[in-house]
Amino acid sequence: MANPRVRKVADRIQVIVAEMLERRIKDPRVGFVTITDVRVTGDTQQATVFYTVLGAETDLASTAAALESAKGLLRSEVAKQLGMRHSPSLTFVPDVVPENARQIDEVLARAKALDAEAAAQRGASYAGEPDPYKKPREDDAAEPSGEGAGAVPAAEPDA
């Protein structure tokens, strides 16, 4: 939806559908529903309406059936308020973003608990030697030949 006009149409459809569900749709199967997003194709012929329902899986199923039965009334109201030549067909899709966010939160909480458990088991001492810096070797300090460790021995002349 790179076109600003398509984005405006999608935003307007979201407002219209939300108001219709709040005020005019009196179906008892419609639970506590929230219209989260609307995506419209570039030619504005099809609109996908994403929604979430607060409650159990049965509430989600009954709300999906109620939205499917009210699709014609919602489409006619969208067409009337948009004033477009062709009104977009509506498709209702349950939004999975809240469920995915809940799963990610659970994974992060589990990882945090495992990190805390590992920190508790670890103890206060560090791994390795207490002084990790390299020291010069003791045998390099006392050379018996008088030559330093980096000195090159003199070559003998050929006869």
N, C-alpha and C. Protein backbone atom coordinates (compact mmCIF):
# COMPACT_ATOMS: atom_id res chain seq x y z
N MET A 1 0.84 -1.18 0.00
CA MET A 1 0.00 0.00 0.00
C MET A 1 0.88 1.25 0.00
N ALA A 2 1.64 1.43 -1.05
CA ALA A 2 2.51 2.58 -1.14
C ALA A 2 1.72 3.84 -1.48
N ASN A 3 0.56 3.65 -2.10
CA ASN A 3 -0.25 4.78 -2.52
C ASN A 3 -0.94 5.41 -1.31
N PRO A 4 -0.79 6.73 -1.11
CA PRO A 4 -1.45 7.37 0.04
C PRO A 4 -2.97 7.29 -0.04
N ARG A 5 -3.52 7.29 -1.24
CA ARG A 5 -4.97 7.21 -1.39
C ARG A 5 -5.48 5.85 -0.89
N VAL A 6 -4.75 4.79 -1.20
CA VAL A 6 -5.14 3.45 -0.76
C VAL A 6 -5.07 3.38 0.77
N ARG A 7 -4.06 4.00 1.37
CA ARG A 7 -3.94 4.00 2.83
C ARG A 7 -5.10 4.75 3.47
N LYS A 8 -5.51 5.87 2.86
CA LYS A 8 -6.64 6.63 3.38
C LYS A 8 -7.93 5.83 3.28
N VAL A 9 -8.11 5.12 2.18
CA VAL A 9 -9.30 4.28 2.02
C VAL A 9 -9.30 3.19 3.08
N ALA A 10 -8.15 2.58 3.33
CA ALA A 10 -8.05 1.52 4.34
C ALA A 10 -8.37 2.06 5.73
N ASP A 11 -7.84 3.23 6.05
CA ASP A 11 -8.12 3.83 7.35
C ASP A 11 -9.61 4.16 7.50
N ARG A 12 -10.20 4.66 6.44
CA ARG A 12 -11.63 5.00 6.49
C ARG A 12 -12.49 3.74 6.63
N ILE A 13 -12.13 2.67 5.94
CA ILE A 13 -12.86 1.41 6.06
C ILE A 13 -12.77 0.89 7.50
N GLN A 14 -11.60 1.01 8.10
CA GLN A 14 -11.43 0.56 9.48
C GLN A 14 -12.37 1.31 10.42
N VAL A 15 -12.48 2.62 10.25
CA VAL A 15 -13.36 3.43 11.10
C VAL A 15 -14.82 3.07 10.85
N ILE A 16 -15.20 2.92 9.60
CA ILE A 16 -16.60 2.61 9.27
C ILE A 16 -17.01 1.27 9.84
N VAL A 17 -16.18 0.25 9.65
CA VAL A 17 -16.52 -1.09 10.14
C VAL A 17 -16.58 -1.09 11.67
N ALA A 18 -15.65 -0.41 12.32
CA ALA A 18 -15.66 -0.37 13.78
C ALA A 18 -16.92 0.32 14.31
N GLU A 19 -17.31 1.42 13.68
CA GLU A 19 -18.52 2.12 14.11
C GLU A 19 -19.76 1.28 13.86
N MET A 20 -19.79 0.59 12.73
CA MET A 20 -20.94 -0.25 12.42
C MET A 20 -21.07 -1.39 13.44
N LEU A 21 -19.96 -2.00 13.79
CA LEU A 21 -20.01 -3.09 14.77
C LEU A 21 -20.43 -2.58 16.14
N GLU A 22 -20.08 -1.36 16.43
CA GLU A 22 -20.42 -0.80 17.74
C GLU A 22 -21.88 -0.36 17.81
N ARG A 23 -22.39 0.22 16.73
CA ARG A 23 -23.71 0.86 16.79
C ARG A 23 -24.83 0.09 16.10
N ARG A 24 -24.58 -0.46 14.92
CA ARG A 24 -25.68 -0.98 14.12
C ARG A 24 -25.82 -2.49 14.10
N ILE A 25 -24.74 -3.20 14.26
CA ILE A 25 -24.81 -4.67 14.24
C ILE A 25 -25.24 -5.14 15.62
N LYS A 26 -26.40 -5.73 15.70
CA LYS A 26 -26.97 -6.14 16.98
C LYS A 26 -26.93 -7.66 17.17
N ASP A 27 -26.06 -8.33 16.45
CA ASP A 27 -25.94 -9.77 16.54
C ASP A 27 -25.34 -10.15 17.90
N PRO A 28 -25.99 -11.00 18.67
CA PRO A 28 -25.44 -11.36 19.98
C PRO A 28 -24.16 -12.20 19.89
N ARG A 29 -23.89 -12.77 18.72
CA ARG A 29 -22.67 -13.56 18.56
C ARG A 29 -21.43 -12.70 18.49
N VAL A 30 -21.60 -11.41 18.16
CA VAL A 30 -20.44 -10.51 18.08
C VAL A 30 -19.99 -10.23 19.51
N GLY A 31 -18.81 -10.68 19.82
CA GLY A 31 -18.26 -10.48 21.15
C GLY A 31 -17.57 -9.14 21.26
N PHE A 32 -16.63 -9.07 22.16
CA PHE A 32 -15.85 -7.85 22.34
C PHE A 32 -14.78 -7.84 21.26
N VAL A 33 -15.13 -7.26 20.11
CA VAL A 33 -14.27 -7.32 18.93
C VAL A 33 -13.58 -5.97 18.71
N THR A 34 -12.34 -6.03 18.25
CA THR A 34 -11.56 -4.84 17.93
C THR A 34 -11.03 -4.99 16.51
N ILE A 35 -11.25 -3.97 15.70
CA ILE A 35 -10.71 -3.97 14.34
C ILE A 35 -9.29 -3.42 14.44
N THR A 36 -8.30 -4.27 14.18
CA THR A 36 -6.91 -3.87 14.38
C THR A 36 -6.27 -3.26 13.14
N ASP A 37 -6.64 -3.75 11.96
CA ASP A 37 -6.01 -3.25 10.74
C ASP A 37 -6.89 -3.58 9.54
N VAL A 38 -6.72 -2.79 8.48
CA VAL A 38 -7.39 -3.06 7.20
C VAL A 38 -6.33 -2.91 6.12
N ARG A 39 -6.26 -3.90 5.26
CA ARG A 39 -5.34 -3.84 4.12
C ARG A 39 -6.17 -3.87 2.85
N VAL A 40 -5.91 -2.92 1.97
CA VAL A 40 -6.66 -2.79 0.73
C VAL A 40 -5.69 -3.03 -0.42
N THR A 41 -6.15 -3.75 -1.45
CA THR A 41 -5.31 -3.95 -2.63
C THR A 41 -5.12 -2.63 -3.36
N GLY A 42 -4.14 -2.59 -4.24
CA GLY A 42 -3.82 -1.35 -4.94
C GLY A 42 -4.95 -0.83 -5.81
N ASP A 43 -5.79 -1.72 -6.33
CA ASP A 43 -6.92 -1.29 -7.15
C ASP A 43 -8.18 -1.06 -6.32
N THR A 44 -8.09 -1.14 -5.01
CA THR A 44 -9.18 -0.94 -4.05
C THR A 44 -10.39 -1.83 -4.32
N GLN A 45 -10.16 -3.03 -4.84
CA GLN A 45 -11.26 -3.95 -5.10
C GLN A 45 -11.50 -4.90 -3.93
N GLN A 46 -10.48 -5.14 -3.13
CA GLN A 46 -10.60 -6.08 -2.03
C GLN A 46 -9.98 -5.47 -0.77
N ALA A 47 -10.68 -5.65 0.33
CA ALA A 47 -10.18 -5.18 1.62
C ALA A 47 -10.16 -6.34 2.60
N THR A 48 -9.05 -6.51 3.26
CA THR A 48 -8.92 -7.53 4.29
C THR A 48 -8.97 -6.83 5.64
N VAL A 49 -9.94 -7.21 6.46
CA VAL A 49 -10.15 -6.59 7.76
C VAL A 49 -9.64 -7.55 8.83
N PHE A 50 -8.65 -7.11 9.61
CA PHE A 50 -8.09 -7.91 10.69
C PHE A 50 -8.76 -7.51 12.00
N TYR A 51 -9.11 -8.52 12.81
CA TYR A 51 -9.80 -8.23 14.06
C TYR A 51 -9.30 -9.16 15.15
N THR A 52 -9.49 -8.72 16.39
CA THR A 52 -9.22 -9.55 17.55
C THR A 52 -10.47 -9.61 18.40
N VAL A 53 -10.59 -10.69 19.15
CA VAL A 53 -11.74 -10.88 20.03
C VAL A 53 -11.22 -11.20 21.42
N LEU A 54 -11.74 -10.49 22.40
CA LEU A 54 -11.38 -10.77 23.78
C LEU A 54 -12.27 -11.90 24.28
N GLY A 55 -11.65 -12.98 24.70
CA GLY A 55 -12.43 -14.10 25.20
C GLY A 55 -11.82 -15.42 24.78
N ALA A 56 -12.64 -16.47 24.87
CA ALA A 56 -12.18 -17.82 24.57
C ALA A 56 -12.28 -18.12 23.07
N GLU A 57 -11.87 -19.32 22.70
CA GLU A 57 -11.92 -19.75 21.30
C GLU A 57 -13.37 -19.81 20.78
N THR A 58 -14.31 -20.14 21.65
CA THR A 58 -15.71 -20.18 21.22
C THR A 58 -16.21 -18.78 20.86
N ASP A 59 -15.74 -17.77 21.61
CA ASP A 59 -16.10 -16.38 21.28
C ASP A 59 -15.53 -15.99 19.91
N LEU A 60 -14.33 -16.44 19.64
CA LEU A 60 -13.71 -16.14 18.35
C LEU A 60 -14.49 -16.78 17.21
N ALA A 61 -14.91 -18.02 17.39
CA ALA A 61 -15.65 -18.72 16.34
C ALA A 61 -17.02 -18.08 16.12
N SER A 62 -17.70 -17.72 17.19
CA SER A 62 -19.04 -17.11 17.03
C SER A 62 -18.93 -15.72 16.43
N THR A 63 -17.90 -14.97 16.78
CA THR A 63 -17.71 -13.64 16.19
C THR A 63 -17.38 -13.76 14.71
N ALA A 64 -16.58 -14.76 14.34
CA ALA A 64 -16.26 -14.96 12.92
C ALA A 64 -17.52 -15.26 12.13
N ALA A 65 -18.41 -16.08 12.69
CA ALA A 65 -19.67 -16.39 12.00
C ALA A 65 -20.55 -15.15 11.90
N ALA A 66 -20.60 -14.35 12.96
CA ALA A 66 -21.41 -13.13 12.94
C ALA A 66 -20.88 -12.11 11.93
N LEU A 67 -19.57 -11.97 11.85
CA LEU A 67 -19.00 -11.03 10.87
C LEU A 67 -19.25 -11.51 9.45
N GLU A 68 -19.20 -12.81 9.25
CA GLU A 68 -19.46 -13.36 7.91
C GLU A 68 -20.91 -13.10 7.50
N SER A 69 -21.82 -13.21 8.44
CA SER A 69 -23.23 -12.98 8.10
C SER A 69 -23.55 -11.49 7.94
N ALA A 70 -22.78 -10.63 8.58
CA ALA A 70 -23.02 -9.19 8.47
C ALA A 70 -22.18 -8.54 7.37
N LYS A 71 -21.47 -9.34 6.60
CA LYS A 71 -20.56 -8.81 5.59
C LYS A 71 -21.28 -7.95 4.55
N GLY A 72 -22.46 -8.35 4.12
CA GLY A 72 -23.20 -7.58 3.10
C GLY A 72 -23.62 -6.21 3.61
N LEU A 73 -24.14 -6.16 4.82
CA LEU A 73 -24.54 -4.87 5.41
C LEU A 73 -23.33 -3.96 5.60
N LEU A 74 -22.22 -4.54 6.06
CA LEU A 74 -21.01 -3.75 6.26
C LEU A 74 -20.47 -3.22 4.93
N ARG A 75 -20.49 -4.06 3.88
CA ARG A 75 -19.99 -3.63 2.59
C ARG A 75 -20.86 -2.52 2.01
N SER A 76 -22.17 -2.63 2.16
CA SER A 76 -23.05 -1.57 1.61
C SER A 76 -22.84 -0.26 2.36
N GLU A 77 -22.61 -0.32 3.66
CA GLU A 77 -22.35 0.91 4.41
C GLU A 77 -20.99 1.51 4.04
N VAL A 78 -20.00 0.66 3.83
CA VAL A 78 -18.68 1.14 3.39
C VAL A 78 -18.81 1.83 2.04
N ALA A 79 -19.57 1.22 1.12
CA ALA A 79 -19.75 1.81 -0.21
C ALA A 79 -20.48 3.14 -0.12
N LYS A 80 -21.47 3.20 0.73
CA LYS A 80 -22.24 4.44 0.87
C LYS A 80 -21.39 5.57 1.44
N GLN A 81 -20.58 5.26 2.46
CA GLN A 81 -19.79 6.31 3.09
C GLN A 81 -18.54 6.69 2.31
N LEU A 82 -17.99 5.76 1.56
CA LEU A 82 -16.80 6.09 0.77
C LEU A 82 -17.16 6.84 -0.51
N GLY A 83 -18.30 6.55 -1.07
CA GLY A 83 -18.71 7.22 -2.30
C GLY A 83 -17.87 6.85 -3.50
N MET A 84 -17.36 5.65 -3.52
CA MET A 84 -16.53 5.19 -4.64
C MET A 84 -17.41 4.48 -5.67
N ARG A 85 -16.92 4.39 -6.89
CA ARG A 85 -17.67 3.71 -7.94
C ARG A 85 -17.81 2.23 -7.63
N HIS A 86 -16.72 1.60 -7.22
CA HIS A 86 -16.73 0.18 -6.86
C HIS A 86 -16.37 0.06 -5.38
N SER A 87 -17.23 -0.58 -4.65
CA SER A 87 -16.91 -0.77 -3.23
C SER A 87 -16.07 -2.02 -3.08
N PRO A 88 -15.08 -2.00 -2.20
CA PRO A 88 -14.23 -3.18 -2.04
C PRO A 88 -14.97 -4.31 -1.34
N SER A 89 -14.67 -5.52 -1.75
CA SER A 89 -15.23 -6.68 -1.06
C SER A 89 -14.47 -6.86 0.25
N LEU A 90 -15.17 -7.25 1.29
CA LEU A 90 -14.57 -7.36 2.62
C LEU A 90 -14.28 -8.81 2.95
N THR A 91 -13.11 -9.05 3.49
CA THR A 91 -12.72 -10.36 3.98
C THR A 91 -12.26 -10.17 5.42
N PHE A 92 -12.83 -10.94 6.34
CA PHE A 92 -12.50 -10.82 7.75
C PHE A 92 -11.53 -11.93 8.14
N VAL A 93 -10.42 -11.51 8.76
CA VAL A 93 -9.37 -12.45 9.15
C VAL A 93 -9.01 -12.18 10.62
N PRO A 94 -9.01 -13.22 11.45
CA PRO A 94 -8.57 -13.00 12.84
C PRO A 94 -7.10 -12.62 12.88
N ASP A 95 -6.78 -11.62 13.67
CA ASP A 95 -5.42 -11.11 13.77
C ASP A 95 -4.61 -12.00 14.71
N VAL A 96 -3.45 -12.47 14.26
CA VAL A 96 -2.62 -13.36 15.06
C VAL A 96 -1.51 -12.63 15.80
N VAL A 97 -1.40 -11.33 15.63
CA VAL A 97 -0.33 -10.57 16.28
C VAL A 97 -0.40 -10.67 17.81
N PRO A 98 -1.57 -10.53 18.44
CA PRO A 98 -1.58 -10.65 19.91
C PRO A 98 -1.15 -12.04 20.40
N GLU A 99 -1.53 -13.08 19.69
CA GLU A 99 -1.12 -14.44 20.07
C GLU A 99 0.38 -14.60 19.91
N ASN A 100 0.94 -14.10 18.81
CA ASN A 100 2.39 -14.18 18.60
C ASN A 100 3.13 -13.38 19.67
N ALA A 101 2.61 -12.22 20.04
CA ALA A 101 3.24 -11.40 21.08
C ALA A 101 3.22 -12.14 22.42
N ARG A 102 2.13 -12.83 22.71
CA ARG A 102 2.04 -13.58 23.96
C ARG A 102 3.07 -14.71 23.98
N GLN A 103 3.23 -15.40 22.86
CA GLN A 103 4.21 -16.49 22.79
C GLN A 103 5.63 -15.96 22.94
N ILE A 104 5.91 -14.82 22.33
CA ILE A 104 7.25 -14.22 22.46
C ILE A 104 7.50 -13.81 23.91
N ASP A 105 6.49 -13.24 24.57
CA ASP A 105 6.64 -12.88 25.98
C ASP A 105 6.92 -14.10 26.84
N GLU A 106 6.26 -15.22 26.56
CA GLU A 106 6.50 -16.45 27.31
C GLU A 106 7.92 -16.96 27.10
N VAL A 107 8.40 -16.92 25.86
CA VAL A 107 9.76 -17.37 25.57
C VAL A 107 10.78 -16.47 26.27
N LEU A 108 10.56 -15.16 26.25
CA LEU A 108 11.49 -14.24 26.92
C LEU A 108 11.48 -14.44 28.44
N ALA A 109 10.31 -14.69 29.01
CA ALA A 109 10.23 -14.94 30.45
C ALA A 109 10.96 -16.22 30.82
N ARG A 110 10.81 -17.26 29.98
CA ARG A 110 11.51 -18.53 30.23
C ARG A 110 13.02 -18.33 30.13
N ALA A 111 13.48 -17.56 29.14
CA ALA A 111 14.91 -17.31 28.98
C ALA A 111 15.45 -16.51 30.16
N LYS A 112 14.68 -15.55 30.65
CA LYS A 112 15.11 -14.75 31.81
C LYS A 112 15.22 -15.63 33.05
N ALA A 113 14.27 -16.55 33.23
CA ALA A 113 14.33 -17.45 34.38
C ALA A 113 15.54 -18.38 34.28
N LEU A 114 15.83 -18.88 33.10
CA LEU A 114 17.00 -19.75 32.92
C LEU A 114 18.30 -18.98 33.15
N ASP A 115 18.36 -17.72 32.72
CA ASP A 115 19.53 -16.89 32.96
C ASP A 115 19.73 -16.65 34.46
N ALA A 116 18.65 -16.39 35.17
CA ALA A 116 18.75 -16.18 36.61
C ALA A 116 19.20 -17.45 37.32
N GLU A 117 18.69 -18.60 36.86
CA GLU A 117 19.09 -19.88 37.44
C GLU A 117 20.57 -20.16 37.19
N ALA A 118 21.05 -19.87 35.98
CA ALA A 118 22.47 -20.07 35.66
C ALA A 118 23.34 -19.12 36.46
N ALA A 119 22.89 -17.89 36.69
CA ALA A 119 23.66 -16.94 37.48
C ALA A 119 23.75 -17.39 38.94
N ALA A 120 22.69 -18.00 39.44
CA ALA A 120 22.70 -18.47 40.82
C ALA A 120 23.64 -19.67 40.98
N GLN A 121 23.74 -20.52 39.99
CA GLN A 121 24.61 -21.69 40.06
C GLN A 121 26.07 -21.35 39.83
N ARG A 122 26.32 -20.26 39.18
CA ARG A 122 27.66 -19.93 38.72
C ARG A 122 28.61 -19.63 39.87
N GLY A 123 28.24 -18.95 40.89
CA GLY A 123 29.14 -18.64 42.00
C GLY A 123 29.85 -17.32 41.76
N ALA A 124 30.77 -16.96 42.69
CA ALA A 124 31.40 -15.64 42.64
C ALA A 124 32.79 -15.67 42.02
N SER A 125 33.40 -16.83 41.82
CA SER A 125 34.76 -16.87 41.29
C SER A 125 34.73 -16.90 39.77
N TYR A 126 35.79 -16.33 39.20
CA TYR A 126 35.91 -16.29 37.75
C TYR A 126 36.61 -17.55 37.25
N ALA A 127 36.40 -17.89 36.02
CA ALA A 127 37.06 -19.04 35.42
C ALA A 127 38.51 -18.66 35.11
N GLY A 128 39.40 -19.61 35.19
CA GLY A 128 40.79 -19.36 34.85
C GLY A 128 41.62 -18.96 36.05
N GLU A 129 42.80 -18.42 35.77
CA GLU A 129 43.74 -18.03 36.82
C GLU A 129 43.32 -16.69 37.42
N PRO A 130 43.74 -16.43 38.64
CA PRO A 130 43.38 -15.15 39.25
C PRO A 130 44.07 -13.97 38.56
N ASP A 131 45.30 -14.20 38.03
CA ASP A 131 46.00 -13.13 37.31
C ASP A 131 46.16 -13.57 35.86
N PRO A 132 45.31 -13.09 34.95
CA PRO A 132 45.33 -13.62 33.59
C PRO A 132 46.41 -13.03 32.68
N TYR A 133 47.22 -12.07 33.18
CA TYR A 133 48.21 -11.43 32.31
C TYR A 133 49.46 -12.28 32.18
N LYS A 134 50.09 -12.24 31.01
CA LYS A 134 51.30 -13.01 30.75
C LYS A 134 52.48 -12.35 31.45
N LYS A 135 53.34 -13.17 32.00
CA LYS A 135 54.55 -12.72 32.67
C LYS A 135 55.73 -13.26 31.87
N PRO A 136 56.88 -12.56 31.96
CA PRO A 136 58.06 -13.12 31.27
C PRO A 136 58.47 -14.42 31.94
N ARG A 137 58.98 -15.33 31.13
CA ARG A 137 59.38 -16.62 31.67
C ARG A 137 60.58 -16.43 32.60
N GLU A 138 60.69 -17.26 33.59
CA GLU A 138 61.76 -17.12 34.58
C GLU A 138 63.10 -17.53 33.99
N ASP A 139 63.15 -18.47 33.06
CA ASP A 139 64.42 -18.91 32.50
C ASP A 139 65.00 -17.88 31.53
N ASP A 140 64.20 -16.92 31.00
CA ASP A 140 64.70 -15.86 30.14
C ASP A 140 65.46 -14.82 30.94
N ALA A 141 65.18 -14.66 32.19
CA ALA A 141 65.81 -13.62 33.01
C ALA A 141 67.25 -13.99 33.34
N ALA A 142 67.59 -15.22 33.48
CA ALA A 142 68.95 -15.63 33.88
C ALA A 142 69.58 -16.46 32.76
N GLU A 143 70.27 -15.80 31.79
CA GLU A 143 70.95 -16.49 30.70
C GLU A 143 72.41 -16.73 31.13
N PRO A 144 72.90 -17.94 31.11
CA PRO A 144 74.28 -18.21 31.54
C PRO A 144 75.33 -17.75 30.53
N SER A 145 75.04 -17.65 29.25
CA SER A 145 76.05 -17.33 28.25
C SER A 145 76.28 -15.84 28.14
N GLY A 146 75.51 -15.06 28.76
CA GLY A 146 75.71 -13.62 28.71
C GLY A 146 75.02 -12.99 27.52
N GLU A 147 74.58 -13.80 26.58
CA GLU A 147 73.87 -13.25 25.44
C GLU A 147 72.40 -13.08 25.83
N GLY A 148 71.81 -12.05 25.32
CA GLY A 148 70.41 -11.83 25.63
C GLY A 148 69.53 -12.82 24.91
N ALA A 149 68.28 -12.82 25.23
CA ALA A 149 67.36 -13.78 24.62
C ALA A 149 67.17 -13.49 23.14
N GLY A 150 67.33 -12.23 22.73
CA GLY A 150 67.11 -11.89 21.34
C GLY A 150 68.39 -11.72 20.54
N ALA A 151 69.57 -11.99 21.12
CA ALA A 151 70.84 -11.78 20.45
C ALA A 151 71.09 -12.90 19.42
N VAL A 152 71.71 -12.52 18.31
CA VAL A 152 72.05 -13.48 17.27
C VAL A 152 73.51 -13.85 17.44
N PRO A 153 73.84 -15.15 17.50
CA PRO A 153 75.27 -15.53 17.69
C PRO A 153 76.09 -15.12 16.46
N ALA A 154 77.32 -14.77 16.72
CA ALA A 154 78.24 -14.32 15.66
C ALA A 154 78.61 -15.52 14.79
N ALA A 155 78.73 -15.28 13.50
CA ALA A 155 79.11 -16.34 12.58
C ALA A 155 80.63 -16.53 12.61
N GLU A 156 81.09 -17.77 12.47
CA GLU A 156 82.51 -18.06 12.47
C GLU A 156 83.08 -17.84 11.07
N PRO A 157 84.29 -17.26 10.95
CA PRO A 157 84.87 -17.05 9.63
C PRO A 157 85.29 -18.37 8.98
N ASP A 158 85.16 -18.43 7.66
CA ASP A 158 85.55 -19.62 6.92
C ASP A 158 87.03 -19.58 6.63
N ALA A 159 87.74 -20.70 6.61
CA ALA A 159 89.17 -20.76 6.40
C ALA A 159 89.58 -20.76 5.01
